[in-house]
PDB file of N, CA and C in Angstrom:
ATOM      1  N   MET A   1       8.880 -13.392  14.640  1.00  0.00           N
ATOM      2  CA  MET A   1       9.387 -12.112  15.062  1.00  0.00           C
ATOM      3  C   MET A   1      10.031 -11.415  13.861  1.00  0.00           C
ATOM      4  N   LYS A   2       9.865 -10.092  13.802  1.00  0.00           N
ATOM      5  CA  LYS A   2      10.476  -9.297  12.744  1.00  0.00           C
ATOM      6  C   LYS A   2      11.639  -8.496  13.313  1.00  0.00           C
ATOM      7  N   ILE A   3      12.748  -8.538  12.585  1.00  0.00           N
ATOM      8  CA  ILE A   3      13.960  -7.840  12.989  1.00  0.00           C
ATOM      9  C   ILE A   3      14.325  -6.841  11.898  1.00  0.00           C
ATOM     10  N   ILE A   4      14.556  -5.591  12.301  1.00  0.00           N
ATOM     11  CA  ILE A   4      14.988  -4.561  11.360  1.00  0.00           C
ATOM     12  C   ILE A   4      16.492  -4.381  11.497  1.00  0.00           C
ATOM     13  N   PHE A   5      17.186  -4.426  10.368  1.00  0.00           N
ATOM     14  CA  PHE A   5      18.614  -4.139  10.311  1.00  0.00           C
ATOM     15  C   PHE A   5      18.804  -2.814   9.585  1.00  0.00           C
ATOM     16  N   THR A   6      19.666  -1.929  10.104  1.00  0.00           N
ATOM     17  CA  THR A   6      20.070  -0.764   9.329  1.00  0.00           C
ATOM     18  C   THR A   6      21.184  -1.261   8.421  1.00  0.00           C
ATOM     19  N   THR A   7      21.015  -1.108   7.121  1.00  0.00           N
ATOM     20  CA  THR A   7      21.935  -1.761   6.201  1.00  0.00           C
ATOM     21  C   THR A   7      22.203  -0.925   4.958  1.00  0.00           C
ATOM     22  N   LYS A   8      23.225  -1.351   4.233  1.00  0.00           N
ATOM     23  CA  LYS A   8      23.604  -0.709   2.978  1.00  0.00           C
ATOM     24  C   LYS A   8      23.283  -1.603   1.792  1.00  0.00           C
ATOM     25  N   GLY A   9      22.509  -2.651   2.007  1.00  0.00           N
ATOM     26  CA  GLY A   9      22.185  -3.566   0.918  1.00  0.00           C
ATOM     27  C   GLY A   9      21.000  -4.451   1.257  1.00  0.00           C
ATOM     28  N   PRO A  10      20.566  -5.266   0.282  1.00  0.00           N
ATOM     29  CA  PRO A  10      19.304  -5.987   0.411  1.00  0.00           C
ATOM     30  C   PRO A  10      19.369  -7.462   0.826  1.00  0.00           C
ATOM     31  N   ASP A  11      20.528  -7.951   1.357  1.00  0.00           N
ATOM     32  CA  ASP A  11      20.575  -9.382   1.658  1.00  0.00           C
ATOM     33  C   ASP A  11      21.500  -9.676   2.835  1.00  0.00           C
ATOM     34  N   TRP A  12      21.658 -10.969   3.145  1.00  0.00           N
ATOM     35  CA  TRP A  12      22.465 -11.420   4.283  1.00  0.00           C
ATOM     36  C   TRP A  12      23.904 -10.905   4.235  1.00  0.00           C
ATOM     37  N   ASN A  13      24.461 -10.754   3.023  1.00  0.00           N
ATOM     38  CA  ASN A  13      25.866 -10.372   2.877  1.00  0.00           C
ATOM     39  C   ASN A  13      26.097  -8.871   2.877  1.00  0.00           C
ATOM     40  N   SER A  14      25.051  -8.096   3.010  1.00  0.00           N
ATOM     41  CA  SER A  14      25.159  -6.632   3.000  1.00  0.00           C
ATOM     42  C   SER A  14      25.773  -6.132   4.302  1.00  0.00           C
ATOM     43  N   PRO A  15      26.580  -5.067   4.224  1.00  0.00           N
ATOM     44  CA  PRO A  15      27.128  -4.500   5.454  1.00  0.00           C
ATOM     45  C   PRO A  15      26.061  -3.747   6.243  1.00  0.00           C
ATOM     46  N   ILE A  16      26.166  -3.839   7.545  1.00  0.00           N
ATOM     47  CA  ILE A  16      25.298  -3.046   8.421  1.00  0.00           C
ATOM     48  C   ILE A  16      25.690  -1.580   8.261  1.00  0.00           C
ATOM     49  N   ASP A  17      24.697  -0.715   8.171  1.00  0.00           N
ATOM     50  CA  ASP A  17      24.950   0.724   8.195  1.00  0.00           C
ATOM     51  C   ASP A  17      25.029   1.100   9.671  1.00  0.00           C
ATOM     52  N   PRO A  18      26.161   1.617  10.145  1.00  0.00           N
ATOM     53  CA  PRO A  18      26.287   1.918  11.575  1.00  0.00           C
ATOM     54  C   PRO A  18      25.370   3.045  12.037  1.00  0.00           C
ATOM     55  N   ARG A  19      24.849   3.825  11.089  1.00  0.00           N
ATOM     56  CA  ARG A  19      23.983   4.952  11.442  1.00  0.00           C
ATOM     57  C   ARG A  19      22.542   4.465  11.572  1.00  0.00           C
ATOM     58  N   PHE A  20      21.842   4.988  12.545  1.00  0.00           N
ATOM     59  CA  PHE A  20      20.417   4.697  12.645  1.00  0.00           C
ATOM     60  C   PHE A  20      19.614   5.748  11.884  1.00  0.00           C
ATOM     61  N   GLY A  21      19.727   6.989  12.285  1.00  0.00           N
ATOM     62  CA  GLY A  21      18.895   8.047  11.717  1.00  0.00           C
ATOM     63  C   GLY A  21      19.092   8.272  10.240  1.00  0.00           C
ATOM     64  N   ARG A  22      20.284   8.090   9.752  1.00  0.00           N
ATOM     65  CA  ARG A  22      20.574   8.335   8.342  1.00  0.00           C
ATOM     66  C   ARG A  22      20.917   7.056   7.584  1.00  0.00           C
ATOM     67  N   THR A  23      20.441   5.931   8.080  1.00  0.00           N
ATOM     68  CA  THR A  23      20.689   4.675   7.382  1.00  0.00           C
ATOM     69  C   THR A  23      20.134   4.738   5.958  1.00  0.00           C
ATOM     70  N   GLU A  24      20.816   4.072   5.040  1.00  0.00           N
ATOM     71  CA  GLU A  24      20.367   4.049   3.646  1.00  0.00           C
ATOM     72  C   GLU A  24      19.058   3.285   3.495  1.00  0.00           C
ATOM     73  N   MET A  25      18.964   2.170   4.203  1.00  0.00           N
ATOM     74  CA  MET A  25      17.759   1.352   4.092  1.00  0.00           C
ATOM     75  C   MET A  25      17.611   0.463   5.309  1.00  0.00           C
ATOM     76  N   PHE A  26      16.429  -0.094   5.415  1.00  0.00           N
ATOM     77  CA  PHE A  26      16.142  -1.110   6.420  1.00  0.00           C
ATOM     78  C   PHE A  26      15.953  -2.429   5.705  1.00  0.00           C
ATOM     79  N   LEU A  27      16.485  -3.467   6.281  1.00  0.00           N
ATOM     80  CA  LEU A  27      16.216  -4.815   5.814  1.00  0.00           C
ATOM     81  C   LEU A  27      15.455  -5.492   6.941  1.00  0.00           C
ATOM     82  N   ILE A  28      14.229  -5.869   6.649  1.00  0.00           N
ATOM     83  CA  ILE A  28      13.370  -6.475   7.667  1.00  0.00           C
ATOM     84  C   ILE A  28      13.360  -7.980   7.440  1.00  0.00           C
ATOM     85  N   TYR A  29      13.787  -8.702   8.462  1.00  0.00           N
ATOM     86  CA  TYR A  29      13.803 -10.164   8.382  1.00  0.00           C
ATOM     87  C   TYR A  29      12.662 -10.721   9.209  1.00  0.00           C
ATOM     88  N   ASP A  30      11.787 -11.455   8.558  1.00  0.00           N
ATOM     89  CA  ASP A  30      10.673 -12.130   9.219  1.00  0.00           C
ATOM     90  C   ASP A  30      11.133 -13.551   9.526  1.00  0.00           C
ATOM     91  N   GLU A  31      11.477 -13.794  10.772  1.00  0.00           N
ATOM     92  CA  GLU A  31      12.003 -15.115  11.155  1.00  0.00           C
ATOM     93  C   GLU A  31      10.995 -16.228  10.905  1.00  0.00           C
ATOM     94  N   GLU A  32       9.733 -15.954  11.169  1.00  0.00           N
ATOM     95  CA  GLU A  32       8.699 -16.973  11.028  1.00  0.00           C
ATOM     96  C   GLU A  32       8.583 -17.471   9.591  1.00  0.00           C
ATOM     97  N   ASN A  33       8.683 -16.552   8.631  1.00  0.00           N
ATOM     98  CA  ASN A  33       8.526 -16.913   7.221  1.00  0.00           C
ATOM     99  C   ASN A  33       9.847 -16.989   6.467  1.00  0.00           C
ATOM    100  N   ASP A  34      10.967 -16.698   7.157  1.00  0.00           N
ATOM    101  CA  ASP A  34      12.296 -16.707   6.554  1.00  0.00           C
ATOM    102  C   ASP A  34      12.339 -15.860   5.278  1.00  0.00           C
ATOM    103  N   LYS A  35      11.815 -14.615   5.389  1.00  0.00           N
ATOM    104  CA  LYS A  35      11.758 -13.719   4.232  1.00  0.00           C
ATOM    105  C   LYS A  35      12.280 -12.346   4.615  1.00  0.00           C
ATOM    106  N   PHE A  36      12.822 -11.651   3.599  1.00  0.00           N
ATOM    107  CA  PHE A  36      13.300 -10.285   3.754  1.00  0.00           C
ATOM    108  C   PHE A  36      12.378  -9.308   3.044  1.00  0.00           C
ATOM    109  N   GLU A  37      12.315  -8.100   3.594  1.00  0.00           N
ATOM    110  CA  GLU A  37      11.652  -6.981   2.938  1.00  0.00           C
ATOM    111  C   GLU A  37      12.612  -5.803   3.021  1.00  0.00           C
ATOM    112  N   LYS A  38      12.809  -5.123   1.915  1.00  0.00           N
ATOM    113  CA  LYS A  38      13.704  -3.971   1.859  1.00  0.00           C
ATOM    114  C   LYS A  38      12.857  -2.698   1.892  1.00  0.00           C
ATOM    115  N   VAL A  39      13.248  -1.747   2.754  1.00  0.00           N
ATOM    116  CA  VAL A  39      12.560  -0.460   2.846  1.00  0.00           C
ATOM    117  C   VAL A  39      13.618   0.642   2.787  1.00  0.00           C
ATOM    118  N   LEU A  40      13.549   1.474   1.757  1.00  0.00           N
ATOM    119  CA  LEU A  40      14.503   2.572   1.609  1.00  0.00           C
ATOM    120  C   LEU A  40      14.223   3.669   2.629  1.00  0.00           C
ATOM    121  N   ASN A  41      15.259   4.364   3.004  1.00  0.00           N
ATOM    122  CA  ASN A  41      15.155   5.467   3.963  1.00  0.00           C
ATOM    123  C   ASN A  41      15.750   6.734   3.352  1.00  0.00           C
ATOM    124  N   ASN A  42      15.580   6.903   2.047  1.00  0.00           N
ATOM    125  CA  ASN A  42      16.254   7.980   1.327  1.00  0.00           C
ATOM    126  C   ASN A  42      15.668   9.371   1.561  1.00  0.00           C
ATOM    127  N   GLU A  43      14.498   9.484   2.151  1.00  0.00           N
ATOM    128  CA  GLU A  43      13.923  10.808   2.393  1.00  0.00           C
ATOM    129  C   GLU A  43      14.717  11.613   3.422  1.00  0.00           C
ATOM    130  N   VAL A  44      15.526  10.973   4.233  1.00  0.00           N
ATOM    131  CA  VAL A  44      16.298  11.702   5.237  1.00  0.00           C
ATOM    132  C   VAL A  44      17.589  12.289   4.677  1.00  0.00           C
ATOM    133  N   GLU A  45      17.955  11.922   3.466  1.00  0.00           N
ATOM    134  CA  GLU A  45      19.195  12.416   2.869  1.00  0.00           C
ATOM    135  C   GLU A  45      19.233  13.934   2.771  1.00  0.00           C
ATOM    136  N   VAL A  46      18.106  14.555   2.523  1.00  0.00           N
ATOM    137  CA  VAL A  46      18.057  16.004   2.321  1.00  0.00           C
ATOM    138  C   VAL A  46      17.737  16.772   3.602  1.00  0.00           C
ATOM    139  N   MET A  47      17.510  16.074   4.683  1.00  0.00           N
ATOM    140  CA  MET A  47      17.159  16.732   5.941  1.00  0.00           C
ATOM    141  C   MET A  47      18.411  17.242   6.643  1.00  0.00           C
ATOM    142  N   GLY A  48      18.375  18.497   7.064  1.00  0.00           N
ATOM    143  CA  GLY A  48      19.473  19.044   7.837  1.00  0.00           C
ATOM    144  C   GLY A  48      19.439  18.550   9.271  1.00  0.00           C
ATOM    145  N   HIS A  49      18.245  18.549   9.851  1.00  0.00           N
ATOM    146  CA  HIS A  49      18.039  18.108  11.233  1.00  0.00           C
ATOM    147  C   HIS A  49      16.783  17.237  11.280  1.00  0.00           C
ATOM    148  N   GLY A  50      16.688  16.422  12.307  1.00  0.00           N
ATOM    149  CA  GLY A  50      15.485  15.627  12.520  1.00  0.00           C
ATOM    150  C   GLY A  50      15.447  14.290  11.814  1.00  0.00           C
ATOM    151  N   ALA A  51      16.566  13.868  11.229  1.00  0.00           N
ATOM    152  CA  ALA A  51      16.584  12.591  10.521  1.00  0.00           C
ATOM    153  C   ALA A  51      16.286  11.425  11.461  1.00  0.00           C
ATOM    154  N   GLY A  52      16.836  11.483  12.659  1.00  0.00           N
ATOM    155  CA  GLY A  52      16.607  10.409  13.621  1.00  0.00           C
ATOM    156  C   GLY A  52      15.148  10.298  14.026  1.00  0.00           C
ATOM    157  N   LEU A  53      14.509  11.441  14.231  1.00  0.00           N
ATOM    158  CA  LEU A  53      13.079  11.433  14.564  1.00  0.00           C
ATOM    159  C   LEU A  53      12.263  10.834  13.435  1.00  0.00           C
ATOM    160  N   GLN A  54      12.553  11.256  12.210  1.00  0.00           N
ATOM    161  CA  GLN A  54      11.837  10.748  11.038  1.00  0.00           C
ATOM    162  C   GLN A  54      12.044   9.238  10.912  1.00  0.00           C
ATOM    163  N   THR A  55      13.263   8.797  11.110  1.00  0.00           N
ATOM    164  CA  THR A  55      13.575   7.372  11.005  1.00  0.00           C
ATOM    165  C   THR A  55      12.868   6.580  12.096  1.00  0.00           C
ATOM    166  N   SER A  56      12.822   7.108  13.305  1.00  0.00           N
ATOM    167  CA  SER A  56      12.118   6.426  14.407  1.00  0.00           C
ATOM    168  C   SER A  56      10.645   6.237  14.078  1.00  0.00           C
ATOM    169  N   LYS A  57      10.030   7.270  13.551  1.00  0.00           N
ATOM    170  CA  LYS A  57       8.614   7.178  13.184  1.00  0.00           C
ATOM    171  C   LYS A  57       8.403   6.138  12.087  1.00  0.00           C
ATOM    172  N   LYS A  58       9.336   6.076  11.151  1.00  0.00           N
ATOM    173  CA  LYS A  58       9.245   5.087  10.079  1.00  0.00           C
ATOM    174  C   LYS A  58       9.367   3.673  10.641  1.00  0.00           C
ATOM    175  N   VAL A  59      10.290   3.485  11.569  1.00  0.00           N
ATOM    176  CA  VAL A  59      10.492   2.170  12.191  1.00  0.00           C
ATOM    177  C   VAL A  59       9.221   1.713  12.907  1.00  0.00           C
ATOM    178  N   LEU A  60       8.567   2.620  13.600  1.00  0.00           N
ATOM    179  CA  LEU A  60       7.336   2.256  14.310  1.00  0.00           C
ATOM    180  C   LEU A  60       6.275   1.745  13.350  1.00  0.00           C
ATOM    181  N   ALA A  61       6.205   2.327  12.174  1.00  0.00           N
ATOM    182  CA  ALA A  61       5.215   1.915  11.183  1.00  0.00           C
ATOM    183  C   ALA A  61       5.545   0.560  10.559  1.00  0.00           C
ATOM    184  N   LEU A  62       6.781   0.097  10.702  1.00  0.00           N
ATOM    185  CA  LEU A  62       7.193  -1.172  10.098  1.00  0.00           C
ATOM    186  C   LEU A  62       6.847  -2.387  10.954  1.00  0.00           C
ATOM    187  N   ASP A  63       6.343  -2.163  12.152  1.00  0.00           N
ATOM    188  CA  ASP A  63       5.828  -3.229  13.006  1.00  0.00           C
ATOM    189  C   ASP A  63       6.838  -4.351  13.240  1.00  0.00           C
ATOM    190  N   SER A  64       7.964  -3.970  13.854  1.00  0.00           N
ATOM    191  CA  SER A  64       8.977  -4.981  14.165  1.00  0.00           C
ATOM    192  C   SER A  64       9.152  -5.085  15.675  1.00  0.00           C
ATOM    193  N   ASN A  65       9.945  -6.048  16.089  1.00  0.00           N
ATOM    194  CA  ASN A  65      10.195  -6.273  17.510  1.00  0.00           C
ATOM    195  C   ASN A  65      11.600  -5.870  17.938  1.00  0.00           C
ATOM    196  N   ILE A  66      12.539  -5.927  16.967  1.00  0.00           N
ATOM    197  CA  ILE A  66      13.958  -5.738  17.242  1.00  0.00           C
ATOM    198  C   ILE A  66      14.556  -4.829  16.170  1.00  0.00           C
ATOM    199  N   ILE A  67      15.478  -3.948  16.580  1.00  0.00           N
ATOM    200  CA  ILE A  67      16.286  -3.168  15.650  1.00  0.00           C
ATOM    201  C   ILE A  67      17.741  -3.526  15.930  1.00  0.00           C
ATOM    202  N   ILE A  68      18.483  -3.825  14.873  1.00  0.00           N
ATOM    203  CA  ILE A  68      19.911  -4.098  15.007  1.00  0.00           C
ATOM    204  C   ILE A  68      20.658  -3.075  14.158  1.00  0.00           C
ATOM    205  N   THR A  69      21.573  -2.350  14.796  1.00  0.00           N
ATOM    206  CA  THR A  69      22.297  -1.282  14.125  1.00  0.00           C
ATOM    207  C   THR A  69      23.719  -1.212  14.665  1.00  0.00           C
ATOM    208  N   GLY A  70      24.433  -0.185  14.226  1.00  0.00           N
ATOM    209  CA  GLY A  70      25.811  -0.012  14.686  1.00  0.00           C
ATOM    210  C   GLY A  70      25.912   0.842  15.931  1.00  0.00           C
ATOM    211  N   ASN A  71      25.742   2.143  15.754  1.00  0.00           N
ATOM    212  CA  ASN A  71      25.985   3.096  16.835  1.00  0.00           C
ATOM    213  C   ASN A  71      24.759   3.427  17.673  1.00  0.00           C
ATOM    214  N   GLY A  72      23.586   3.099  17.217  1.00  0.00           N
ATOM    215  CA  GLY A  72      22.373   3.390  17.974  1.00  0.00           C
ATOM    216  C   GLY A  72      21.730   4.694  17.573  1.00  0.00           C
ATOM    217  N   ALA A  73      20.656   5.017  18.243  1.00  0.00           N
ATOM    218  CA  ALA A  73      19.869   6.212  17.939  1.00  0.00           C
ATOM    219  C   ALA A  73      20.296   7.367  18.829  1.00  0.00           C
ATOM    220  N   GLY A  74      20.084   8.583  18.327  1.00  0.00           N
ATOM    221  CA  GLY A  74      20.322   9.783  19.126  1.00  0.00           C
ATOM    222  C   GLY A  74      19.225   9.957  20.161  1.00  0.00           C
ATOM    223  N   GLY A  75      19.394  10.935  21.035  1.00  0.00           N
ATOM    224  CA  GLY A  75      18.500  11.136  22.168  1.00  0.00           C
ATOM    225  C   GLY A  75      17.025  11.252  21.837  1.00  0.00           C
ATOM    226  N   LYS A  76      16.664  12.136  20.920  1.00  0.00           N
ATOM    227  CA  LYS A  76      15.252  12.347  20.593  1.00  0.00           C
ATOM    228  C   LYS A  76      14.644  11.125  19.915  1.00  0.00           C
ATOM    229  N   ALA A  77      15.400  10.523  19.009  1.00  0.00           N
ATOM    230  CA  ALA A  77      14.917   9.320  18.331  1.00  0.00           C
ATOM    231  C   ALA A  77      14.752   8.173  19.325  1.00  0.00           C
ATOM    232  N   LEU A  78      15.675   8.066  20.243  1.00  0.00           N
ATOM    233  CA  LEU A  78      15.627   6.999  21.235  1.00  0.00           C
ATOM    234  C   LEU A  78      14.422   7.143  22.153  1.00  0.00           C
ATOM    235  N   GLU A  79      14.065   8.369  22.485  1.00  0.00           N
ATOM    236  CA  GLU A  79      12.886   8.591  23.331  1.00  0.00           C
ATOM    237  C   GLU A  79      11.624   8.029  22.685  1.00  0.00           C
ATOM    238  N   ILE A  80      11.495   8.184  21.383  1.00  0.00           N
ATOM    239  CA  ILE A  80      10.326   7.642  20.666  1.00  0.00           C
ATOM    240  C   ILE A  80      10.331   6.118  20.750  1.00  0.00           C
ATOM    241  N   ILE A  81      11.467   5.517  20.507  1.00  0.00           N
ATOM    242  CA  ILE A  81      11.556   4.051  20.509  1.00  0.00           C
ATOM    243  C   ILE A  81      11.335   3.489  21.912  1.00  0.00           C
ATOM    244  N   LYS A  82      11.809   4.188  22.933  1.00  0.00           N
ATOM    245  CA  LYS A  82      11.645   3.723  24.313  1.00  0.00           C
ATOM    246  C   LYS A  82      10.181   3.620  24.730  1.00  0.00           C
ATOM    247  N   GLU A  83       9.312   4.362  24.062  1.00  0.00           N
ATOM    248  CA  GLU A  83       7.886   4.332  24.386  1.00  0.00           C
ATOM    249  C   GLU A  83       7.185   3.100  23.828  1.00  0.00           C
ATOM    250  N   THR A  84       7.922   2.239  23.140  1.00  0.00           N
ATOM    251  CA  THR A  84       7.353   1.045  22.519  1.00  0.00           C
ATOM    252  C   THR A  84       7.953  -0.208  23.153  1.00  0.00           C
ATOM    253  N   ASP A  85       7.581  -1.356  22.620  1.00  0.00           N
ATOM    254  CA  ASP A  85       8.149  -2.632  23.059  1.00  0.00           C
ATOM    255  C   ASP A  85       9.349  -3.045  22.218  1.00  0.00           C
ATOM    256  N   ILE A  86       9.773  -2.190  21.286  1.00  0.00           N
ATOM    257  CA  ILE A  86      10.893  -2.503  20.399  1.00  0.00           C
ATOM    258  C   ILE A  86      12.197  -2.429  21.201  1.00  0.00           C
ATOM    259  N   LYS A  87      13.062  -3.397  20.989  1.00  0.00           N
ATOM    260  CA  LYS A  87      14.394  -3.404  21.604  1.00  0.00           C
ATOM    261  C   LYS A  87      15.428  -3.057  20.541  1.00  0.00           C
ATOM    262  N   MET A  88      16.358  -2.161  20.878  1.00  0.00           N
ATOM    263  CA  MET A  88      17.411  -1.779  19.947  1.00  0.00           C
ATOM    264  C   MET A  88      18.735  -2.369  20.402  1.00  0.00           C
ATOM    265  N   TYR A  89      19.369  -3.107  19.488  1.00  0.00           N
ATOM    266  CA  TYR A  89      20.664  -3.714  19.751  1.00  0.00           C
ATOM    267  C   TYR A  89      21.723  -2.979  18.936  1.00  0.00           C
ATOM    268  N   ILE A  90      22.844  -2.680  19.590  1.00  0.00           N
ATOM    269  CA  ILE A  90      23.914  -1.914  18.952  1.00  0.00           C
ATOM    270  C   ILE A  90      25.212  -2.714  18.952  1.00  0.00           C
ATOM    271  N   GLY A  91      26.184  -2.199  18.182  1.00  0.00           N
ATOM    272  CA  GLY A  91      27.493  -2.838  18.145  1.00  0.00           C
ATOM    273  C   GLY A  91      27.733  -3.673  16.911  1.00  0.00           C
ATOM    274  N   ALA A  92      26.846  -3.576  15.926  1.00  0.00           N
ATOM    275  CA  ALA A  92      26.968  -4.401  14.725  1.00  0.00           C
ATOM    276  C   ALA A  92      27.527  -3.620  13.537  1.00  0.00           C
ATOM    277  N   GLY A  93      28.103  -2.454  13.783  1.00  0.00           N
ATOM    278  CA  GLY A  93      28.530  -1.563  12.711  1.00  0.00           C
ATOM    279  C   GLY A  93      29.571  -2.104  11.759  1.00  0.00           C
ATOM    280  N   ASP A  94      30.367  -3.054  12.183  1.00  0.00           N
ATOM    281  CA  ASP A  94      31.403  -3.601  11.295  1.00  0.00           C
ATOM    282  C   ASP A  94      31.065  -5.024  10.827  1.00  0.00           C
ATOM    283  N   MET A  95      29.788  -5.363  10.859  1.00  0.00           N
ATOM    284  CA  MET A  95      29.340  -6.711  10.497  1.00  0.00           C
ATOM    285  C   MET A  95      28.472  -6.700   9.243  1.00  0.00           C
ATOM    286  N   THR A  96      28.289  -7.875   8.670  1.00  0.00           N
ATOM    287  CA  THR A  96      27.266  -8.053   7.643  1.00  0.00           C
ATOM    288  C   THR A  96      25.941  -8.319   8.367  1.00  0.00           C
ATOM    289  N   VAL A  97      24.861  -8.309   7.614  1.00  0.00           N
ATOM    290  CA  VAL A  97      23.552  -8.608   8.204  1.00  0.00           C
ATOM    291  C   VAL A  97      23.576 -10.001   8.833  1.00  0.00           C
ATOM    292  N   LYS A  98      24.134 -10.967   8.141  1.00  0.00           N
ATOM    293  CA  LYS A  98      24.202 -12.350   8.651  1.00  0.00           C
ATOM    294  C   LYS A  98      25.015 -12.416   9.950  1.00  0.00           C
ATOM    295  N   GLU A  99      26.158 -11.749   9.972  1.00  0.00           N
ATOM    296  CA  GLU A  99      26.992 -11.745  11.180  1.00  0.00           C
ATOM    297  C   GLU A  99      26.266 -11.060  12.340  1.00  0.00           C
ATOM    298  N   ALA A 100      25.565  -9.975  12.030  1.00  0.00           N
ATOM    299  CA  ALA A 100      24.820  -9.253  13.070  1.00  0.00           C
ATOM    300  C   ALA A 100      23.688 -10.117  13.618  1.00  0.00           C
ATOM    301  N   TYR A 101      23.010 -10.841  12.742  1.00  0.00           N
ATOM    302  CA  TYR A 101      21.934 -11.730  13.171  1.00  0.00           C
ATOM    303  C   TYR A 101      22.484 -12.814  14.092  1.00  0.00           C
ATOM    304  N   GLU A 102      23.598 -13.415  13.696  1.00  0.00           N
ATOM    305  CA  GLU A 102      24.213 -14.460  14.511  1.00  0.00           C
ATOM    306  C   GLU A 102      24.705 -13.908  15.855  1.00  0.00           C
ATOM    307  N   ALA A 103      25.253 -12.686  15.843  1.00  0.00           N
ATOM    308  CA  ALA A 103      25.709 -12.055  17.085  1.00  0.00           C
ATOM    309  C   ALA A 103      24.518 -11.773  18.009  1.00  0.00           C
ATOM    310  N   TYR A 104      23.414 -11.336  17.444  1.00  0.00           N
ATOM    311  CA  TYR A 104      22.191 -11.108  18.229  1.00  0.00           C
ATOM    312  C   TYR A 104      21.700 -12.416  18.840  1.00  0.00           C
ATOM    313  N   LYS A 105      21.621 -13.465  18.030  1.00  0.00           N
ATOM    314  CA  LYS A 105      21.113 -14.753  18.508  1.00  0.00           C
ATOM    315  C   LYS A 105      21.993 -15.341  19.609  1.00  0.00           C
ATOM    316  N   SER A 106      23.286 -15.070  19.554  1.00  0.00           N
ATOM    317  CA  SER A 106      24.196 -15.631  20.558  1.00  0.00           C
ATOM    318  C   SER A 106      24.424 -14.679  21.741  1.00  0.00           C
ATOM    319  N   GLY A 107      23.696 -13.558  21.769  1.00  0.00           N
ATOM    320  CA  GLY A 107      23.775 -12.639  22.904  1.00  0.00           C
ATOM    321  C   GLY A 107      25.007 -11.749  22.926  1.00  0.00           C
ATOM    322  N   GLN A 108      25.645 -11.551  21.780  1.00  0.00           N
ATOM    323  CA  GLN A 108      26.874 -10.760  21.731  1.00  0.00           C
ATOM    324  C   GLN A 108      26.640  -9.266  21.530  1.00  0.00           C
ATOM    325  N   LEU A 109      25.428  -8.859  21.164  1.00  0.00           N
ATOM    326  CA  LEU A 109      25.147  -7.441  20.963  1.00  0.00           C
ATOM    327  C   LEU A 109      24.567  -6.841  22.236  1.00  0.00           C
ATOM    328  N   LYS A 110      24.835  -5.562  22.454  1.00  0.00           N
ATOM    329  CA  LYS A 110      24.316  -4.853  23.621  1.00  0.00           C
ATOM    330  C   LYS A 110      23.016  -4.150  23.267  1.00  0.00           C
ATOM    331  N   THR A 111      22.153  -3.986  24.247  1.00  0.00           N
ATOM    332  CA  THR A 111      20.956  -3.179  24.034  1.00  0.00           C
ATOM    333  C   THR A 111      21.319  -1.725  24.309  1.00  0.00           C
ATOM    334  N   GLN A 112      20.681  -0.818  23.557  1.00  0.00           N
ATOM    335  CA  GLN A 112      20.971   0.598  23.780  1.00  0.00           C
ATOM    336  C   GLN A 112      20.258   1.116  25.013  1.00  0.00           C
ATOM    337  N   PHE A 113      19.167   0.496  25.382  1.00  0.00           N
ATOM    338  CA  PHE A 113      18.443   0.925  26.588  1.00  0.00           C
ATOM    339  C   PHE A 113      17.836  -0.265  27.267  1.00  0.00           C
TER     340      PHE A 113
END
């Protein structure tokens, strides 16, 4: 299974970025292969509106099963994600990637929908 984290860095010790639409980057963890892939999300920095929509479309192209973030997605972005099998978990905004992963595995994070 692949898990996408909204993050401010490229490894387990990086802080979760609480923002979904304007996250700095995604860290994709492939549980099966125990590997990370870093994907920048810097194109949304210059967008006045629609960052969440753009980010949702990017997430769909990354072929993951789970998104772990802080505050969750806005309404329009969430509608796109709801049309898929991807589950979004929220509440990890003050955690590192490792802490968020452990919280997800132990059922401590809430789903946004």
